[in-house]
């Protein structure tokens, strides 16, 4: 399975939605294999996502995360969850670990992207 290079991808989300992306899964394709504990992910969302306790939102909600999948892009491992934020936007939260062991976390609306497209956009810092 070949991962598209950055120069093979379009420049905007609307065009990226049309790109078919297939990414290999990790051997342990589960939320349990994620090195970031759920408490850390929820703490991150409490600051970053509408509805988070520290986000400045008028309404604080309890995030209901649904694990979607893992992926491997080159040497970077990813875990991705889907949820709805307080603004009723379907969103993703992603945890990534690069080849040197550096952990990153990101949150954003789906913008109509599939989980695979979102992970690729994250990998190429498309966001």
Protein backbone atom coordinates (compact mmCIF):
# COMPACT_ATOMS: atom_id res chain seq x y z
CA UNK A 1 0.00 0.00 0.00
CA UNK A 2 1.52 3.28 -1.12
CA UNK A 3 1.09 6.48 0.86
CA UNK A 4 0.68 9.56 -1.34
CA UNK A 5 3.48 12.12 -1.21
CA UNK A 6 2.60 15.67 -0.15
CA UNK A 7 3.17 16.98 -3.67
CA UNK A 8 0.57 14.50 -4.95
CA UNK A 9 -2.14 15.94 -2.71
CA UNK A 10 -4.43 18.91 -3.46
CA UNK A 11 -4.10 22.20 -1.61
CA UNK A 12 -7.53 22.40 0.03
CA UNK A 13 -9.88 20.22 2.08
CA UNK A 14 -12.65 20.13 -0.54
CA UNK A 15 -10.27 18.54 -3.05
CA UNK A 16 -8.66 16.32 -0.41
CA UNK A 17 -12.09 14.78 0.27
CA UNK A 18 -11.94 13.21 -3.21
CA UNK A 19 -8.56 11.52 -2.65
CA UNK A 20 -8.82 7.83 -1.82
CA UNK A 21 -6.42 7.08 1.05
CA UNK A 22 -5.60 3.65 2.39
CA UNK A 23 -3.31 3.44 5.40
CA UNK A 24 -1.97 0.33 7.09
CA UNK A 25 -3.22 -0.33 10.61
CA UNK A 26 -0.98 -1.06 13.57
CA UNK A 27 -0.69 -4.69 14.66
CA UNK A 28 -2.73 -3.79 17.78
CA UNK A 29 -5.51 -1.79 16.13
CA UNK A 30 -7.14 -0.67 19.36
CA UNK A 31 -7.47 2.30 21.67
CA UNK A 32 -5.74 0.23 24.35
CA UNK A 33 -2.49 0.34 22.35
CA UNK A 34 -2.37 4.16 22.45
CA UNK A 35 0.47 5.38 24.68
CA UNK A 36 -1.52 8.46 25.77
CA UNK A 37 -4.00 7.60 28.53
CA UNK A 38 -7.62 8.62 27.97
CA UNK A 39 -7.35 11.07 30.88
CA UNK A 40 -4.60 12.94 28.98
CA UNK A 41 -6.66 13.01 25.77
CA UNK A 42 -9.73 14.33 27.63
CA UNK A 43 -7.58 16.93 29.43
CA UNK A 44 -6.28 18.11 26.06
CA UNK A 45 -9.84 18.40 24.72
CA UNK A 46 -10.91 20.29 27.84
CA UNK A 47 -8.72 23.17 26.60
CA UNK A 48 -8.97 22.77 22.83
CA UNK A 49 -12.50 21.69 21.91
CA UNK A 50 -15.76 23.64 22.22
CA UNK A 51 -17.47 22.25 25.30
CA UNK A 52 -14.24 21.67 27.17
CA UNK A 53 -14.09 22.86 30.76
CA UNK A 54 -11.16 25.21 30.05
CA UNK A 55 -12.03 26.14 26.45
CA UNK A 56 -14.04 29.24 27.25
CA UNK A 57 -17.26 27.67 25.94
CA UNK A 58 -20.55 28.74 27.43
CA UNK A 59 -21.61 25.09 27.59
CA UNK A 60 -19.40 22.39 29.13
CA UNK A 61 -20.07 18.86 27.88
CA UNK A 62 -18.74 15.38 28.53
CA UNK A 63 -16.93 14.26 25.39
CA UNK A 64 -18.07 10.86 24.11
CA UNK A 65 -15.10 9.55 22.13
CA UNK A 66 -15.56 6.70 19.66
CA UNK A 67 -12.31 4.98 18.71
CA UNK A 68 -12.04 4.71 14.93
CA UNK A 69 -8.70 3.13 14.05
CA UNK A 70 -4.92 3.17 14.13
CA UNK A 71 -2.63 3.92 11.21
CA UNK A 72 1.02 3.84 10.27
CA UNK A 73 2.37 6.57 8.01
CA UNK A 74 6.07 6.04 7.33
CA UNK A 75 7.50 5.82 10.89
CA UNK A 76 4.62 7.68 12.61
CA UNK A 77 1.92 5.73 14.48
CA UNK A 78 -1.57 7.22 14.85
CA UNK A 79 -4.71 6.62 16.91
CA UNK A 80 -7.88 8.53 16.00
CA UNK A 81 -11.25 9.03 17.73
CA UNK A 82 -14.45 10.68 16.52
CA UNK A 83 -16.77 12.79 18.68
CA UNK A 84 -19.23 15.68 18.54
CA UNK A 85 -18.18 18.93 20.21
CA UNK A 86 -20.46 21.45 21.98
CA UNK A 87 -21.03 23.29 18.68
CA UNK A 88 -22.50 20.03 17.26
CA UNK A 89 -19.53 19.65 14.92
CA UNK A 90 -18.31 16.15 14.13
CA UNK A 91 -14.67 16.18 15.13
CA UNK A 92 -11.53 14.08 15.43
CA UNK A 93 -8.88 13.89 18.10
CA UNK A 94 -5.64 12.25 17.03
CA UNK A 95 -2.61 10.99 18.94
CA UNK A 96 0.59 10.45 16.99
CA UNK A 97 4.02 9.12 17.91
CA UNK A 98 6.80 9.80 15.42
CA UNK A 99 9.85 7.64 14.78
CA UNK A 100 11.87 9.41 17.50
CA UNK A 101 9.15 8.82 20.12
CA UNK A 102 7.84 12.41 20.06
CA UNK A 103 4.12 12.46 20.94
CA UNK A 104 1.66 14.89 19.36
CA UNK A 105 -2.03 15.41 19.84
CA UNK A 106 -4.47 17.30 17.63
CA UNK A 107 -8.16 18.15 17.52
CA UNK A 108 -10.21 19.57 14.67
CA UNK A 109 -13.55 19.30 12.95
CA UNK A 110 -13.74 16.54 10.37
CA UNK A 111 -14.43 19.01 7.53
CA UNK A 112 -15.94 15.99 5.79
CA UNK A 113 -12.63 14.13 5.69
CA UNK A 114 -12.44 10.41 6.35
CA UNK A 115 -10.26 9.31 9.27
CA UNK A 116 -7.57 8.24 6.79
CA UNK A 117 -7.64 11.59 4.99
CA UNK A 118 -7.47 13.40 8.33
CA UNK A 119 -4.46 11.36 9.46
CA UNK A 120 -2.66 12.06 6.18
CA UNK A 121 -3.47 15.78 6.51
CA UNK A 122 -2.05 15.66 10.04
CA UNK A 123 1.09 13.84 8.89
CA UNK A 124 1.79 16.45 6.21
CA UNK A 125 0.87 19.33 8.52
CA UNK A 126 -1.92 20.15 6.09
CA UNK A 127 -4.14 21.39 8.89
